[in-house]
Structure formats: structure tokens, C-alpha cells
């Protein structure tokens, strides 16, 4: 009776590869362990799966990148459209403000016209138009200079607005009036003070040069000075004030196209 070990199958550990050439050269024999062969096969399968997974992952990343670029482009377009909408809303607000200023300005004229109608007096259309034109030009409604506002009206420390522009920019009269003062002060440099109908006074400070003299009559829009940096000033700008009845008025609430 054979021992139990003889019944066990002999496991193969090596793979023999024999190459027999056609010529007279001796045959070649390679002996490879089955374990090594399995490791090589496992490595090849692992490498293939890794490449496949990498391709799938790259496809997802590429798709996400394309979607992100699309979202960025759409967000940019939405921001541009929102800016346009805001510009339109700002223009509407400016028109409303202009209408409000004009309504306040015309209140006195309308009351005058109503009183004339009630009293039975009559005037021609041309006379009424002349009165209206005179009313609009005698109230400081015109911006004296075009620029950007660096400091707004904030009493009791700042009774006007600072409008920054290039040195030498022409300064225009905000309304018809008469020159009360044209001279130099240590703090404000070259200063102009104009008196207008309705109890209005306008101040123009830190000028490079004043172009009008006291008691001179000026018209709305007339160049009266050049913007400068005189006196205690930190840079070229116009300090513009409006007063009425001894009290300061915020220029942004009265002057058109100032802000």
C-alpha cells in the first residue's frame, strides 16, 4: 500500500519555455515561476484598470470644467445685464430728482400765475415765458463745474461740496446774480461770492484766479473763475456752497447734474 503522500498531485512551480531555432544553434530555454507570471499578469490588469479609471475621471473633470466655464460666462452676462439695469434705474432716479427740483423751483411761479388768474389779470404767453425763464436762471440750478465729488455736504464741518477737476477748468455761475466779493482769504484762497434773487447766495472757493470783480452783474453759465488749489487746499478742486436766508443748502438737492 502506497503512503498518503504519493496520492498528492505534484504542484507545478515553474513554466518552461523552449525555443528551438531553425538553424544549428542550440535551443534556448526560459524557466519562469508561476508566481512571477501571476504577479506580472496582475500588474498588467491593474495598470489597464488604472488607465481606464483615469480616462473616466478625466472625462468627468473635463465635463465639470466645461460646465464651470459655461456658468462663469453666464454669470458674466448676468452681471453685465444687471449693470445695465442699474444704469437705467440710476437714470430714472436722476430724472425723478430733476423733476422734483424743477417742481420745487416752479412752485413760486405757479402760485404767482394762479394768483394772477384769480385776480382777473391777464398776460401774454410770451410774458409768462419770460418770467419763467427769469425764474429758472435766477435760482442756482446749474452745476458750476463738471467733475466728481470728493466730499459731500456735511454740516457743521462742511457746508458745501468739493468738486474735483483739472486745475484751470472754467467755473460757471450757477445763476444770474451780482458779485458781492472777489478776493483772497488765507483759508479759502481766491473766493467769489454771488448774490441771486430769492435770497440765494453762492460761494466759490480755492480758485486759481477770479475773472469777475465786485458789483459786476453775471449771467447763469458765465465763466467767473478758474478752478485751482489756492488757500488751505489738498488738491485742485472747487468748494461750492449755497446759502439762503442765512442757512446753508445742500447743493446736491438743488443743483442739476451735480452728482
Protein backbone atom coordinates (compact mmCIF):
# COMPACT_ATOMS: atom_id res chain seq x y z
CA UNK A 1 0.00 0.00 0.00
CA UNK A 2 1.42 3.36 -1.03
CA UNK A 3 1.96 6.10 1.56
CA UNK A 4 -0.59 9.04 1.59
CA UNK A 5 1.99 11.47 0.24
CA UNK A 6 2.14 9.60 -3.04
CA UNK A 7 -1.55 10.40 -3.68
CA UNK A 8 -0.99 14.17 -3.62
CA UNK A 9 -0.61 15.81 -7.00
CA UNK A 10 2.67 17.42 -7.67
CA UNK A 11 2.10 21.20 -8.00
CA UNK A 12 3.86 22.92 -10.86
CA UNK A 13 6.06 25.79 -9.71
CA UNK A 14 7.76 26.73 -12.99
CA UNK A 15 6.80 27.33 -16.59
CA UNK A 16 9.40 26.16 -19.06
CA UNK A 17 9.58 27.90 -22.41
CA UNK A 18 11.73 26.15 -25.01
CA UNK A 19 12.70 27.88 -28.24
CA UNK A 20 14.22 25.68 -30.96
CA UNK A 21 15.77 27.71 -33.78
CA UNK A 22 15.69 26.57 -37.42
CA UNK A 23 19.45 26.70 -37.74
CA UNK A 24 22.08 24.69 -35.95
CA UNK A 25 22.20 27.00 -32.94
CA UNK A 26 21.35 25.35 -29.64
CA UNK A 27 17.81 25.66 -28.29
CA UNK A 28 17.00 28.26 -25.65
CA UNK A 29 15.09 27.52 -22.54
CA UNK A 30 13.46 30.00 -20.13
CA UNK A 31 12.19 28.98 -16.82
CA UNK A 32 9.61 31.32 -15.22
CA UNK A 33 7.99 30.85 -11.87
CA UNK A 34 4.21 30.71 -11.93
CA UNK A 35 4.12 33.18 -9.05
CA UNK A 36 6.12 35.69 -11.08
CA UNK A 37 3.83 35.16 -14.06
CA UNK A 38 0.78 35.77 -11.89
CA UNK A 39 2.31 38.98 -10.49
CA UNK A 40 3.08 40.24 -14.00
CA UNK A 41 -0.45 39.44 -15.13
CA UNK A 42 -1.89 41.12 -12.04
CA UNK A 43 0.25 44.21 -12.69
CA UNK A 44 -0.93 44.37 -16.32
CA UNK A 45 -4.59 44.08 -15.27
CA UNK A 46 -4.08 46.69 -12.53
CA UNK A 47 -2.36 49.05 -15.00
CA UNK A 48 -5.20 48.64 -17.50
CA UNK A 49 -7.86 49.30 -14.87
CA UNK A 50 -5.93 52.35 -13.61
CA UNK A 51 -5.71 53.78 -17.12
CA UNK A 52 -9.43 53.11 -17.66
CA UNK A 53 -10.33 54.77 -14.33
CA UNK A 54 -8.07 57.70 -15.17
CA UNK A 55 -9.78 58.18 -18.52
CA UNK A 56 -13.23 58.11 -16.85
CA UNK A 57 -12.09 60.57 -14.16
CA UNK A 58 -10.52 62.87 -16.75
CA UNK A 59 -13.78 62.84 -18.71
CA UNK A 60 -15.72 63.85 -15.61
CA UNK A 61 -13.21 66.60 -14.76
CA UNK A 62 -13.32 67.87 -18.33
CA UNK A 63 -17.14 67.91 -18.25
CA UNK A 64 -17.13 69.78 -14.92
CA UNK A 65 -14.61 72.27 -16.30
CA UNK A 66 -16.80 72.90 -19.34
CA UNK A 67 -19.86 73.33 -17.12
CA UNK A 68 -17.91 75.74 -14.89
CA UNK A 69 -16.80 77.80 -17.89
CA UNK A 70 -20.40 77.92 -19.07
CA UNK A 71 -21.57 79.08 -15.62
CA UNK A 72 -18.82 81.72 -15.46
CA UNK A 73 -19.80 83.02 -18.89
CA UNK A 74 -23.48 83.10 -17.93
CA UNK A 75 -22.67 84.86 -14.65
CA UNK A 76 -20.62 87.43 -16.53
CA UNK A 77 -23.51 88.07 -18.90
CA UNK A 78 -25.91 88.35 -15.97
CA UNK A 79 -23.62 90.84 -14.23
CA UNK A 80 -23.38 92.92 -17.40
CA UNK A 81 -27.15 92.89 -17.76
CA UNK A 82 -27.52 93.81 -14.07
CA UNK A 83 -25.13 96.74 -14.54
CA UNK A 84 -27.20 97.93 -17.49
CA UNK A 85 -30.37 97.64 -15.42
CA UNK A 86 -28.73 99.60 -12.59
CA UNK A 87 -27.64 102.28 -15.06
CA UNK A 88 -31.20 102.56 -16.34
CA UNK A 89 -32.51 102.74 -12.76
CA UNK A 90 -29.96 105.45 -11.93
CA UNK A 91 -31.02 107.41 -14.98
CA UNK A 92 -34.65 107.09 -13.90
CA UNK A 93 -33.74 108.27 -10.40
CA UNK A 94 -31.85 111.23 -11.90
CA UNK A 95 -34.88 112.11 -14.00
CA UNK A 96 -37.12 111.87 -10.93
CA UNK A 97 -34.74 114.08 -8.96
CA UNK A 98 -34.58 116.56 -11.81
CA UNK A 99 -38.39 116.60 -12.00
CA UNK A 100 -38.60 117.14 -8.25
CA UNK A 101 -36.12 120.02 -8.36
CA UNK A 102 -37.96 121.60 -11.25
CA UNK A 103 -41.28 121.19 -9.45
CA UNK A 104 -39.93 122.94 -6.35
CA UNK A 105 -38.46 125.68 -8.49
CA UNK A 106 -41.71 126.27 -10.34
CA UNK A 107 -43.89 126.32 -7.22
CA UNK A 108 -43.43 130.05 -6.78
CA UNK A 109 -44.16 130.69 -10.44
CA UNK A 110 -47.29 128.52 -10.41
CA UNK A 111 -48.57 130.22 -7.28
CA UNK A 112 -47.97 133.58 -8.92
CA UNK A 113 -49.81 132.55 -12.07
CA UNK A 114 -52.75 131.20 -10.01
CA UNK A 115 -52.98 134.44 -8.06
CA UNK A 116 -53.00 136.43 -11.30
CA UNK A 117 -55.80 134.32 -12.73
CA UNK A 118 -57.87 134.68 -9.58
CA UNK A 119 -57.41 138.45 -9.61
CA UNK A 120 -58.58 138.62 -13.22
CA UNK A 121 -55.27 139.88 -14.58
CA UNK A 122 -54.10 138.59 -17.93
CA UNK A 123 -50.68 138.43 -19.51
CA UNK A 124 -49.49 137.19 -22.85
CA UNK A 125 -47.82 133.80 -23.20
CA UNK A 126 -44.55 135.45 -24.14
CA UNK A 127 -44.58 137.49 -20.92
CA UNK A 128 -45.21 134.38 -18.84
CA UNK A 129 -42.41 132.56 -20.64
CA UNK A 130 -40.08 135.45 -19.95
CA UNK A 131 -41.00 135.35 -16.26
CA UNK A 132 -40.41 131.60 -16.15
CA UNK A 133 -37.04 131.90 -17.89
CA UNK A 134 -36.02 134.64 -15.47
CA UNK A 135 -37.07 132.48 -12.52
CA UNK A 136 -35.06 129.47 -13.70
CA UNK A 137 -31.89 131.46 -14.34
CA UNK A 138 -32.06 133.41 -11.06
CA UNK A 139 -32.08 130.24 -8.92
CA UNK A 140 -28.72 128.36 -8.59
CA UNK A 141 -29.65 125.27 -10.59
CA UNK A 142 -26.62 124.99 -12.88
CA UNK A 143 -23.56 122.98 -11.88
CA UNK A 144 -20.57 125.37 -11.73
CA UNK A 145 -18.09 122.77 -12.98
CA UNK A 146 -18.05 119.19 -14.24
CA UNK A 147 -16.11 116.71 -12.09
CA UNK A 148 -16.53 114.19 -9.30
CA UNK A 149 -17.50 114.99 -5.73
CA UNK A 150 -14.76 114.15 -3.24
CA UNK A 151 -16.59 115.45 -0.16
CA UNK A 152 -20.31 115.98 0.26
CA UNK A 153 -22.35 118.46 2.29
CA UNK A 154 -21.98 117.60 6.00
CA UNK A 155 -22.59 120.50 8.40
CA UNK A 156 -21.41 121.77 10.80
CA UNK A 157 -17.93 120.90 9.49
CA UNK A 158 -18.54 121.15 5.74
CA UNK A 159 -21.20 123.50 4.38
CA UNK A 160 -20.78 122.68 0.69
CA UNK A 161 -19.47 120.13 -1.77
CA UNK A 162 -15.93 119.65 -3.10
CA UNK A 163 -15.84 119.06 -6.87
CA UNK A 164 -12.54 117.72 -8.19
CA UNK A 165 -11.45 118.64 -11.71
CA UNK A 166 -8.30 119.64 -13.57
CA UNK A 167 -6.62 122.86 -12.49
CA UNK A 168 -7.64 125.71 -14.77
CA UNK A 169 -11.10 124.25 -15.54
CA UNK A 170 -13.59 127.13 -16.13
CA UNK A 171 -16.04 127.74 -13.29
CA UNK A 172 -19.50 128.98 -14.32
CA UNK A 173 -22.04 130.99 -12.37
CA UNK A 174 -24.80 128.76 -11.01
CA UNK A 175 -27.40 131.51 -11.62
CA UNK A 176 -27.84 135.13 -12.64
CA UNK A 177 -26.63 137.48 -9.95
CA UNK A 178 -24.22 140.13 -8.79
CA UNK A 179 -20.70 139.73 -7.43
CA UNK A 180 -20.57 140.62 -3.72
CA UNK A 181 -16.98 139.60 -3.08
CA UNK A 182 -14.00 138.74 -5.26
CA UNK A 183 -10.75 138.44 -3.37
CA UNK A 184 -8.29 136.41 -1.30
CA UNK A 185 -8.61 134.79 2.11
CA UNK A 186 -5.93 132.83 3.93
CA UNK A 187 -8.03 129.69 4.45
CA UNK A 188 -10.05 129.61 1.21
CA UNK A 189 -7.63 131.24 -1.24
CA UNK A 190 -9.33 133.07 -4.11
CA UNK A 191 -13.03 133.34 -3.26
CA UNK A 192 -16.11 134.53 -5.12
CA UNK A 193 -19.49 135.27 -3.51
CA UNK A 194 -22.53 135.88 -5.73
CA UNK A 195 -25.94 137.16 -4.69
CA UNK A 196 -29.05 135.93 -6.52
CA UNK A 197 -32.77 136.64 -6.45
CA UNK A 198 -34.88 134.79 -3.92
CA UNK A 199 -32.36 135.27 -1.12
CA UNK A 200 -29.77 132.86 -2.56
CA UNK A 201 -26.00 133.25 -2.21
CA UNK A 202 -23.35 131.03 -3.83
CA UNK A 203 -19.71 130.65 -2.75
CA UNK A 204 -16.81 129.53 -4.99
CA UNK A 205 -13.55 128.83 -3.11
CA UNK A 206 -9.91 127.79 -3.73
CA UNK A 207 -9.96 129.30 -7.25
CA UNK A 208 -6.82 129.59 -9.33
CA UNK A 209 -7.98 133.04 -10.46
CA UNK A 210 -11.14 135.10 -10.21
CA UNK A 211 -12.34 136.55 -13.52
CA UNK A 212 -15.03 138.96 -12.24
CA UNK A 213 -14.95 141.92 -9.87
CA UNK A 214 -17.26 143.18 -7.10
CA UNK A 215 -20.64 144.67 -8.14
CA UNK A 216 -20.36 143.07 -11.59
CA UNK A 217 -23.57 141.53 -12.94
CA UNK A 218 -23.13 137.97 -14.17
CA UNK A 219 -25.38 135.57 -16.06
CA UNK A 220 -26.06 131.91 -15.41
CA UNK A 221 -23.37 129.83 -17.16
CA UNK A 222 -20.92 132.74 -17.45
CA UNK A 223 -17.29 131.83 -16.69
CA UNK A 224 -16.42 133.63 -13.46
CA UNK A 225 -13.21 131.90 -12.31
CA UNK A 226 -10.71 129.13 -12.97
CA UNK A 227 -10.57 126.05 -10.75
CA UNK A 228 -7.46 125.92 -8.60
CA UNK A 229 -5.73 124.87 -5.40
CA UNK A 230 -5.32 128.15 -3.55
CA UNK A 231 -5.51 128.62 0.20
CA UNK A 232 -5.51 125.64 2.54
CA UNK A 233 -6.36 123.04 -0.09
CA UNK A 234 -5.19 119.45 -0.53
CA UNK A 235 -5.54 119.43 -4.33
CA UNK A 236 -7.25 121.14 -7.27
CA UNK A 237 -10.98 121.36 -6.57
CA UNK A 238 -13.89 123.76 -6.22
CA UNK A 239 -15.54 124.17 -2.85
CA UNK A 240 -19.10 125.21 -3.73
CA UNK A 241 -21.68 126.42 -1.22
CA UNK A 242 -25.31 127.63 -1.43
CA UNK A 243 -26.94 129.72 1.28
CA UNK A 244 -30.47 131.07 1.59
CA UNK A 245 -31.85 133.26 4.34
CA UNK A 246 -28.74 132.76 6.45
CA UNK A 247 -28.91 128.96 6.30
CA UNK A 248 -26.80 126.55 4.22
CA UNK A 249 -28.45 124.46 1.49
CA UNK A 250 -27.21 121.08 0.26
CA UNK A 251 -26.16 121.72 -3.37
CA UNK A 252 -26.96 118.12 -4.28
CA UNK A 253 -30.65 118.80 -3.53
CA UNK A 254 -30.85 121.89 -5.72
CA UNK A 255 -28.24 121.91 -8.48
CA UNK A 256 -28.98 119.81 -11.56
CA UNK A 257 -26.46 117.22 -12.85
CA UNK A 258 -24.08 117.84 -9.96
CA UNK A 259 -23.80 114.27 -8.66
